[in-house]
Amino acid sequence: MYSRMEYRARRNIVFSCQYHLVFCPKYPHQVPVNRADRRPKQIIAEVGQETGSILLETEVMPDHVHLLIDVDPQFGIHRAVKANKG
């Protein structure tokens, strides 16, 4: 597992940019969490590998999803959120 206090480095920067994101659907419907949490976690992890972000923690609730991600500041949080939503 990835340590939260660990720094990452690129050629000219050292960083640790962690964000807590909460995704809520427009029309919340209750979803059984025990069956529906595997696929969203898998999709978010795949997008993280493509964007260079690291998924630290995920929690799927019945009507929303919590994410804790570490994003490269040169990539930007707005691009990471857009990629996860898409």
PDB file of N, CA and C in Angstrom:
ATOM      1  N   MET A   1       0.845  -1.191   0.000  1.00  0.00           N
ATOM      2  CA  MET A   1       0.000   0.000   0.000  1.00  0.00           C
ATOM      3  C   MET A   1       0.878   1.237   0.000  1.00  0.00           C
ATOM      4  N   TYR A   2       0.415   2.250  -0.613  1.00  0.00           N
ATOM      5  CA  TYR A   2       1.136   3.513  -0.745  1.00  0.00           C
ATOM      6  C   TYR A   2       1.054   4.296   0.558  1.00  0.00           C
ATOM      7  N   SER A   3       2.174   4.776   1.036  1.00  0.00           N
ATOM      8  CA  SER A   3       2.212   5.545   2.277  1.00  0.00           C
ATOM      9  C   SER A   3       1.741   6.977   2.032  1.00  0.00           C
ATOM     10  N   ARG A   4       0.944   7.513   2.904  1.00  0.00           N
ATOM     11  CA  ARG A   4       0.406   8.867   2.747  1.00  0.00           C
ATOM     12  C   ARG A   4       1.459   9.952   2.923  1.00  0.00           C
ATOM     13  N   MET A   5       2.511   9.700   3.676  1.00  0.00           N
ATOM     14  CA  MET A   5       3.509  10.720   3.959  1.00  0.00           C
ATOM     15  C   MET A   5       4.674  10.688   2.969  1.00  0.00           C
ATOM     16  N   GLU A   6       4.589   9.869   1.977  1.00  0.00           N
ATOM     17  CA  GLU A   6       5.666   9.719   1.015  1.00  0.00           C
ATOM     18  C   GLU A   6       5.588  10.816  -0.057  1.00  0.00           C
ATOM     19  N   TYR A   7       6.746  11.345  -0.421  1.00  0.00           N
ATOM     20  CA  TYR A   7       6.812  12.367  -1.466  1.00  0.00           C
ATOM     21  C   TYR A   7       7.171  11.711  -2.790  1.00  0.00           C
ATOM     22  N   ARG A   8       6.684  12.301  -3.869  1.00  0.00           N
ATOM     23  CA  ARG A   8       7.047  11.851  -5.202  1.00  0.00           C
ATOM     24  C   ARG A   8       7.877  12.945  -5.854  1.00  0.00           C
ATOM     25  N   ALA A   9       8.690  12.574  -6.823  1.00  0.00           N
ATOM     26  CA  ALA A   9       9.571  13.552  -7.452  1.00  0.00           C
ATOM     27  C   ALA A   9       9.544  13.411  -8.964  1.00  0.00           C
ATOM     28  N   ARG A  10       9.626  14.525  -9.622  1.00  0.00           N
ATOM     29  CA  ARG A  10       9.817  14.605 -11.070  1.00  0.00           C
ATOM     30  C   ARG A  10      11.170  15.263 -11.294  1.00  0.00           C
ATOM     31  N   ARG A  11      11.451  15.585 -12.510  1.00  0.00           N
ATOM     32  CA  ARG A  11      12.754  16.136 -12.839  1.00  0.00           C
ATOM     33  C   ARG A  11      13.071  17.406 -12.071  1.00  0.00           C
ATOM     34  N   ASN A  12      12.095  18.298 -11.901  1.00  0.00           N
ATOM     35  CA  ASN A  12      12.374  19.588 -11.266  1.00  0.00           C
ATOM     36  C   ASN A  12      11.504  19.889 -10.050  1.00  0.00           C
ATOM     37  N   ILE A  13      10.706  18.952  -9.576  1.00  0.00           N
ATOM     38  CA  ILE A  13       9.846  19.210  -8.416  1.00  0.00           C
ATOM     39  C   ILE A  13       9.775  17.989  -7.502  1.00  0.00           C
ATOM     40  N   VAL A  14       9.478  18.249  -6.258  1.00  0.00           N
ATOM     41  CA  VAL A  14       9.148  17.215  -5.277  1.00  0.00           C
ATOM     42  C   VAL A  14       7.774  17.589  -4.742  1.00  0.00           C
ATOM     43  N   PHE A  15       6.847  16.626  -4.687  1.00  0.00           N
ATOM     44  CA  PHE A  15       5.475  16.993  -4.338  1.00  0.00           C
ATOM     45  C   PHE A  15       4.761  15.888  -3.581  1.00  0.00           C
ATOM     46  N   SER A  16       3.693  16.289  -2.953  1.00  0.00           N
ATOM     47  CA  SER A  16       2.718  15.402  -2.347  1.00  0.00           C
ATOM     48  C   SER A  16       1.394  16.154  -2.346  1.00  0.00           C
ATOM     49  N   CYS A  17       0.652  16.046  -3.424  1.00  0.00           N
ATOM     50  CA  CYS A  17      -0.637  16.747  -3.588  1.00  0.00           C
ATOM     51  C   CYS A  17      -1.760  15.727  -3.453  1.00  0.00           C
ATOM     52  N   GLN A  18      -2.386  15.704  -2.290  1.00  0.00           N
ATOM     53  CA  GLN A  18      -3.448  14.742  -2.029  1.00  0.00           C
ATOM     54  C   GLN A  18      -4.781  15.475  -1.938  1.00  0.00           C
ATOM     55  N   TYR A  19      -5.797  14.888  -2.550  1.00  0.00           N
ATOM     56  CA  TYR A  19      -7.120  15.502  -2.591  1.00  0.00           C
ATOM     57  C   TYR A  19      -8.170  14.507  -2.147  1.00  0.00           C
ATOM     58  N   HIS A  20      -9.135  15.003  -1.406  1.00  0.00           N
ATOM     59  CA  HIS A  20     -10.294  14.208  -0.996  1.00  0.00           C
ATOM     60  C   HIS A  20     -11.443  14.623  -1.894  1.00  0.00           C
ATOM     61  N   LEU A  21     -11.913  13.703  -2.717  1.00  0.00           N
ATOM     62  CA  LEU A  21     -12.999  13.981  -3.654  1.00  0.00           C
ATOM     63  C   LEU A  21     -14.236  13.210  -3.235  1.00  0.00           C
ATOM     64  N   VAL A  22     -15.387  13.826  -3.428  1.00  0.00           N
ATOM     65  CA  VAL A  22     -16.659  13.163  -3.171  1.00  0.00           C
ATOM     66  C   VAL A  22     -17.509  13.305  -4.422  1.00  0.00           C
ATOM     67  N   PHE A  23     -17.876  12.184  -5.024  1.00  0.00           N
ATOM     68  CA  PHE A  23     -18.741  12.180  -6.194  1.00  0.00           C
ATOM     69  C   PHE A  23     -20.151  11.833  -5.747  1.00  0.00           C
ATOM     70  N   CYS A  24     -21.093  12.725  -6.061  1.00  0.00           N
ATOM     71  CA  CYS A  24     -22.499  12.511  -5.750  1.00  0.00           C
ATOM     72  C   CYS A  24     -23.291  12.552  -7.052  1.00  0.00           C
ATOM     73  N   PRO A  25     -24.162  11.582  -7.304  1.00  0.00           N
ATOM     74  CA  PRO A  25     -24.957  11.623  -8.528  1.00  0.00           C
ATOM     75  C   PRO A  25     -26.013  12.727  -8.452  1.00  0.00           C
ATOM     76  N   LYS A  26     -26.462  13.151  -9.613  1.00  0.00           N
ATOM     77  CA  LYS A  26     -27.469  14.212  -9.678  1.00  0.00           C
ATOM     78  C   LYS A  26     -28.775  13.761  -9.016  1.00  0.00           C
ATOM     79  N   TYR A  27     -29.172  12.535  -9.291  1.00  0.00           N
ATOM     80  CA  TYR A  27     -30.375  11.964  -8.693  1.00  0.00           C
ATOM     81  C   TYR A  27     -29.952  10.757  -7.865  1.00  0.00           C
ATOM     82  N   PRO A  28     -29.715  10.955  -6.570  1.00  0.00           N
ATOM     83  CA  PRO A  28     -29.190   9.841  -5.762  1.00  0.00           C
ATOM     84  C   PRO A  28     -30.200   8.709  -5.608  1.00  0.00           C
ATOM     85  N   HIS A  29     -29.749   7.536  -5.938  1.00  0.00           N
ATOM     86  CA  HIS A  29     -30.529   6.322  -5.748  1.00  0.00           C
ATOM     87  C   HIS A  29     -29.723   5.415  -4.830  1.00  0.00           C
ATOM     88  N   GLN A  30     -30.385   4.763  -3.935  1.00  0.00           N
ATOM     89  CA  GLN A  30     -29.697   3.858  -3.025  1.00  0.00           C
ATOM     90  C   GLN A  30     -29.205   2.632  -3.803  1.00  0.00           C
ATOM     91  N   VAL A  31     -27.932   2.304  -3.634  1.00  0.00           N
ATOM     92  CA  VAL A  31     -27.318   1.166  -4.304  1.00  0.00           C
ATOM     93  C   VAL A  31     -26.788   0.225  -3.239  1.00  0.00           C
ATOM     94  N   PRO A  32     -27.022  -1.069  -3.372  1.00  0.00           N
ATOM     95  CA  PRO A  32     -26.442  -2.016  -2.417  1.00  0.00           C
ATOM     96  C   PRO A  32     -24.923  -1.985  -2.525  1.00  0.00           C
ATOM     97  N   VAL A  33     -24.249  -1.547  -1.483  1.00  0.00           N
ATOM     98  CA  VAL A  33     -22.813  -1.314  -1.514  1.00  0.00           C
ATOM     99  C   VAL A  33     -22.025  -2.610  -1.668  1.00  0.00           C
ATOM    100  N   ASN A  34     -22.452  -3.680  -1.029  1.00  0.00           N
ATOM    101  CA  ASN A  34     -21.666  -4.911  -1.048  1.00  0.00           C
ATOM    102  C   ASN A  34     -21.543  -5.506  -2.452  1.00  0.00           C
ATOM    103  N   ARG A  35     -22.469  -5.224  -3.362  1.00  0.00           N
ATOM    104  CA  ARG A  35     -22.381  -5.749  -4.718  1.00  0.00           C
ATOM    105  C   ARG A  35     -21.801  -4.743  -5.692  1.00  0.00           C
ATOM    106  N   ALA A  36     -21.979  -3.456  -5.440  1.00  0.00           N
ATOM    107  CA  ALA A  36     -21.665  -2.433  -6.435  1.00  0.00           C
ATOM    108  C   ALA A  36     -20.333  -1.731  -6.224  1.00  0.00           C
ATOM    109  N   ASP A  37     -19.532  -2.127  -5.259  1.00  0.00           N
ATOM    110  CA  ASP A  37     -18.315  -1.368  -4.990  1.00  0.00           C
ATOM    111  C   ASP A  37     -17.097  -1.856  -5.766  1.00  0.00           C
ATOM    112  N   ARG A  38     -17.124  -3.059  -6.298  1.00  0.00           N
ATOM    113  CA  ARG A  38     -15.932  -3.588  -6.970  1.00  0.00           C
ATOM    114  C   ARG A  38     -15.640  -2.890  -8.288  1.00  0.00           C
ATOM    115  N   ARG A  39     -16.623  -2.728  -9.131  1.00  0.00           N
ATOM    116  CA  ARG A  39     -16.401  -2.147 -10.463  1.00  0.00           C
ATOM    117  C   ARG A  39     -15.975  -0.681 -10.391  1.00  0.00           C
ATOM    118  N   PRO A  40     -16.621   0.194  -9.597  1.00  0.00           N
ATOM    119  CA  PRO A  40     -16.129   1.578  -9.515  1.00  0.00           C
ATOM    120  C   PRO A  40     -14.695   1.669  -9.016  1.00  0.00           C
ATOM    121  N   LYS A  41     -14.316   0.852  -8.049  1.00  0.00           N
ATOM    122  CA  LYS A  41     -12.937   0.859  -7.556  1.00  0.00           C
ATOM    123  C   LYS A  41     -11.966   0.453  -8.659  1.00  0.00           C
ATOM    124  N   GLN A  42     -12.348  -0.533  -9.457  1.00  0.00           N
ATOM    125  CA  GLN A  42     -11.496  -0.996 -10.540  1.00  0.00           C
ATOM    126  C   GLN A  42     -11.350   0.087 -11.610  1.00  0.00           C
ATOM    127  N   ILE A  43     -12.433   0.750 -11.976  1.00  0.00           N
ATOM    128  CA  ILE A  43     -12.394   1.811 -12.989  1.00  0.00           C
ATOM    129  C   ILE A  43     -11.536   2.966 -12.507  1.00  0.00           C
ATOM    130  N   ILE A  44     -11.701   3.384 -11.264  1.00  0.00           N
ATOM    131  CA  ILE A  44     -10.943   4.509 -10.714  1.00  0.00           C
ATOM    132  C   ILE A  44      -9.454   4.172 -10.660  1.00  0.00           C
ATOM    133  N   ALA A  45      -9.119   2.940 -10.313  1.00  0.00           N
ATOM    134  CA  ALA A  45      -7.709   2.530 -10.281  1.00  0.00           C
ATOM    135  C   ALA A  45      -7.109   2.532 -11.690  1.00  0.00           C
ATOM    136  N   GLU A  46      -7.875   2.082 -12.697  1.00  0.00           N
ATOM    137  CA  GLU A  46      -7.392   2.090 -14.079  1.00  0.00           C
ATOM    138  C   GLU A  46      -7.166   3.513 -14.581  1.00  0.00           C
ATOM    139  N   VAL A  47      -8.095   4.412 -14.286  1.00  0.00           N
ATOM    140  CA  VAL A  47      -7.937   5.811 -14.690  1.00  0.00           C
ATOM    141  C   VAL A  47      -6.731   6.424 -13.991  1.00  0.00           C
ATOM    142  N   GLY A  48      -6.504   6.074 -12.747  1.00  0.00           N
ATOM    143  CA  GLY A  48      -5.351   6.572 -12.008  1.00  0.00           C
ATOM    144  C   GLY A  48      -4.038   6.156 -12.642  1.00  0.00           C
ATOM    145  N   GLN A  49      -3.974   4.927 -13.141  1.00  0.00           N
ATOM    146  CA  GLN A  49      -2.761   4.485 -13.815  1.00  0.00           C
ATOM    147  C   GLN A  49      -2.542   5.257 -15.114  1.00  0.00           C
ATOM    148  N   GLU A  50      -3.611   5.560 -15.835  1.00  0.00           N
ATOM    149  CA  GLU A  50      -3.503   6.296 -17.089  1.00  0.00           C
ATOM    150  C   GLU A  50      -3.092   7.747 -16.864  1.00  0.00           C
ATOM    151  N   THR A  51      -3.552   8.362 -15.784  1.00  0.00           N
ATOM    152  CA  THR A  51      -3.293   9.780 -15.542  1.00  0.00           C
ATOM    153  C   THR A  51      -2.083  10.040 -14.666  1.00  0.00           C
ATOM    154  N   GLY A  52      -1.486   9.013 -14.102  1.00  0.00           N
ATOM    155  CA  GLY A  52      -0.336   9.198 -13.241  1.00  0.00           C
ATOM    156  C   GLY A  52      -0.700   9.558 -11.809  1.00  0.00           C
ATOM    157  N   SER A  53      -1.970   9.451 -11.464  1.00  0.00           N
ATOM    158  CA  SER A  53      -2.384   9.701 -10.087  1.00  0.00           C
ATOM    159  C   SER A  53      -2.417   8.372  -9.337  1.00  0.00           C
ATOM    160  N   ILE A  54      -2.336   8.460  -8.024  1.00  0.00           N
ATOM    161  CA  ILE A  54      -2.323   7.261  -7.180  1.00  0.00           C
ATOM    162  C   ILE A  54      -3.565   7.277  -6.305  1.00  0.00           C
ATOM    163  N   LEU A  55      -4.338   6.232  -6.373  1.00  0.00           N
ATOM    164  CA  LEU A  55      -5.536   6.091  -5.555  1.00  0.00           C
ATOM    165  C   LEU A  55      -5.115   5.577  -4.189  1.00  0.00           C
ATOM    166  N   LEU A  56      -5.274   6.408  -3.163  1.00  0.00           N
ATOM    167  CA  LEU A  56      -4.863   6.037  -1.811  1.00  0.00           C
ATOM    168  C   LEU A  56      -5.969   5.293  -1.081  1.00  0.00           C
ATOM    169  N   GLU A  57      -7.185   5.823  -1.133  1.00  0.00           N
ATOM    170  CA  GLU A  57      -8.313   5.178  -0.459  1.00  0.00           C
ATOM    171  C   GLU A  57      -9.582   5.414  -1.256  1.00  0.00           C
ATOM    172  N   THR A  58     -10.483   4.465  -1.160  1.00  0.00           N
ATOM    173  CA  THR A  58     -11.790   4.560  -1.813  1.00  0.00           C
ATOM    174  C   THR A  58     -12.834   4.023  -0.861  1.00  0.00           C
ATOM    175  N   GLU A  59     -13.961   4.703  -0.815  1.00  0.00           N
ATOM    176  CA  GLU A  59     -15.088   4.189  -0.047  1.00  0.00           C
ATOM    177  C   GLU A  59     -16.359   4.471  -0.829  1.00  0.00           C
ATOM    178  N   VAL A  60     -17.053   3.406  -1.179  1.00  0.00           N
ATOM    179  CA  VAL A  60     -18.305   3.529  -1.924  1.00  0.00           C
ATOM    180  C   VAL A  60     -19.444   3.459  -0.923  1.00  0.00           C
ATOM    181  N   MET A  61     -20.210   4.529  -0.867  1.00  0.00           N
ATOM    182  CA  MET A  61     -21.371   4.605   0.018  1.00  0.00           C
ATOM    183  C   MET A  61     -22.623   4.345  -0.823  1.00  0.00           C
ATOM    184  N   PRO A  62     -23.785   4.168  -0.207  1.00  0.00           N
ATOM    185  CA  PRO A  62     -24.993   3.891  -0.986  1.00  0.00           C
ATOM    186  C   PRO A  62     -25.368   4.995  -1.972  1.00  0.00           C
ATOM    187  N   ASP A  63     -25.016   6.258  -1.691  1.00  0.00           N
ATOM    188  CA  ASP A  63     -25.424   7.333  -2.599  1.00  0.00           C
ATOM    189  C   ASP A  63     -24.279   8.249  -3.028  1.00  0.00           C
ATOM    190  N   HIS A  64     -23.027   7.935  -2.678  1.00  0.00           N
ATOM    191  CA  HIS A  64     -21.888   8.733  -3.121  1.00  0.00           C
ATOM    192  C   HIS A  64     -20.592   7.931  -2.961  1.00  0.00           C
ATOM    193  N   VAL A  65     -19.504   8.474  -3.525  1.00  0.00           N
ATOM    194  CA  VAL A  65     -18.208   7.802  -3.501  1.00  0.00           C
ATOM    195  C   VAL A  65     -17.157   8.768  -2.964  1.00  0.00           C
ATOM    196  N   HIS A  66     -16.347   8.322  -1.995  1.00  0.00           N
ATOM    197  CA  HIS A  66     -15.235   9.107  -1.452  1.00  0.00           C
ATOM    198  C   HIS A  66     -13.941   8.586  -2.059  1.00  0.00           C
ATOM    199  N   LEU A  67     -13.072   9.506  -2.489  1.00  0.00           N
ATOM    200  CA  LEU A  67     -11.764   9.147  -3.021  1.00  0.00           C
ATOM    201  C   LEU A  67     -10.694   9.973  -2.341  1.00  0.00           C
ATOM    202  N   LEU A  68      -9.561   9.377  -2.076  1.00  0.00           N
ATOM    203  CA  LEU A  68      -8.379  10.099  -1.647  1.00  0.00           C
ATOM    204  C   LEU A  68      -7.312   9.777  -2.675  1.00  0.00           C
ATOM    205  N   ILE A  69      -6.913  10.789  -3.467  1.00  0.00           N
ATOM    206  CA  ILE A  69      -5.961  10.554  -4.540  1.00  0.00           C
ATOM    207  C   ILE A  69      -4.769  11.491  -4.414  1.00  0.00           C
ATOM    208  N   ASP A  70      -3.651  11.029  -4.900  1.00  0.00           N
ATOM    209  CA  ASP A  70      -2.418  11.812  -4.963  1.00  0.00           C
ATOM    210  C   ASP A  70      -2.183  12.113  -6.437  1.00  0.00           C
ATOM    211  N   VAL A  71      -2.191  13.397  -6.805  1.00  0.00           N
ATOM    212  CA  VAL A  71      -2.132  13.812  -8.199  1.00  0.00           C
ATOM    213  C   VAL A  71      -0.851  14.597  -8.452  1.00  0.00           C
ATOM    214  N   ASP A  72      -0.250  14.346  -9.601  1.00  0.00           N
ATOM    215  CA  ASP A  72       0.909  15.122 -10.045  1.00  0.00           C
ATOM    216  C   ASP A  72       0.448  16.550 -10.315  1.00  0.00           C
ATOM    217  N   PRO A  73       1.074  17.573  -9.700  1.00  0.00           N
ATOM    218  CA  PRO A  73       0.621  18.956  -9.898  1.00  0.00           C
ATOM    219  C   PRO A  73       0.776  19.445 -11.332  1.00  0.00           C
ATOM    220  N   GLN A  74       1.669  18.850 -12.104  1.00  0.00           N
ATOM    221  CA  GLN A  74       1.797  19.245 -13.503  1.00  0.00           C
ATOM    222  C   GLN A  74       0.641  18.705 -14.331  1.00  0.00           C
ATOM    223  N   PHE A  75       0.038  17.613 -13.899  1.00  0.00           N
ATOM    224  CA  PHE A  75      -1.135  17.071 -14.585  1.00  0.00           C
ATOM    225  C   PHE A  75      -2.377  17.856 -14.190  1.00  0.00           C
ATOM    226  N   GLY A  76      -2.525  18.161 -12.917  1.00  0.00           N
ATOM    227  CA  GLY A  76      -3.629  18.980 -12.437  1.00  0.00           C
ATOM    228  C   GLY A  76      -4.794  18.179 -11.907  1.00  0.00           C
ATOM    229  N   ILE A  77      -5.370  18.687 -10.835  1.00  0.00           N
ATOM    230  CA  ILE A  77      -6.525  18.011 -10.221  1.00  0.00           C
ATOM    231  C   ILE A  77      -7.737  18.062 -11.129  1.00  0.00           C
ATOM    232  N   HIS A  78      -7.908  19.155 -11.887  1.00  0.00           N
ATOM    233  CA  HIS A  78      -9.081  19.273 -12.749  1.00  0.00           C
ATOM    234  C   HIS A  78      -9.079  18.195 -13.836  1.00  0.00           C
ATOM    235  N   ARG A  79      -7.928  17.832 -14.345  1.00  0.00           N
ATOM    236  CA  ARG A  79      -7.853  16.776 -15.350  1.00  0.00           C
ATOM    237  C   ARG A  79      -8.109  15.418 -14.732  1.00  0.00           C
ATOM    238  N   ALA A  80      -7.630  15.202 -13.509  1.00  0.00           N
ATOM    239  CA  ALA A  80      -7.857  13.927 -12.829  1.00  0.00           C
ATOM    240  C   ALA A  80      -9.344  13.732 -12.539  1.00  0.00           C
ATOM    241  N   VAL A  81     -10.019  14.791 -12.097  1.00  0.00           N
ATOM    242  CA  VAL A  81     -11.458  14.708 -11.815  1.00  0.00           C
ATOM    243  C   VAL A  81     -12.224  14.449 -13.107  1.00  0.00           C
ATOM    244  N   LYS A  82     -11.864  15.153 -14.168  1.00  0.00           N
ATOM    245  CA  LYS A  82     -12.541  14.978 -15.462  1.00  0.00           C
ATOM    246  C   LYS A  82     -12.366  13.558 -15.974  1.00  0.00           C
ATOM    247  N   ALA A  83     -11.165  12.998 -15.835  1.00  0.00           N
ATOM    248  CA  ALA A  83     -10.909  11.633 -16.285  1.00  0.00           C
ATOM    249  C   ALA A  83     -11.711  10.628 -15.463  1.00  0.00           C
ATOM    250  N   ASN A  84     -11.824  10.840 -14.155  1.00  0.00           N
ATOM    251  CA  ASN A  84     -12.595   9.931 -13.309  1.00  0.00           C
ATOM    252  C   ASN A  84     -14.084  10.022 -13.583  1.00  0.00           C
ATOM    253  N   LYS A  85     -14.583  11.198 -13.873  1.00  0.00           N
ATOM    254  CA  LYS A  85     -16.003  11.359 -14.161  1.00  0.00           C
ATOM    255  C   LYS A  85     -16.366  10.777 -15.519  1.00  0.00           C
ATOM    256  N   GLY A  86     -15.425  10.850 -16.454  1.00  0.00           N
ATOM    257  CA  GLY A  86     -15.681  10.354 -17.822  1.00  0.00           C
ATOM    258  C   GLY A  86     -15.649   8.858 -17.848  1.00  0.00           C
TER     259      GLY A  86
END
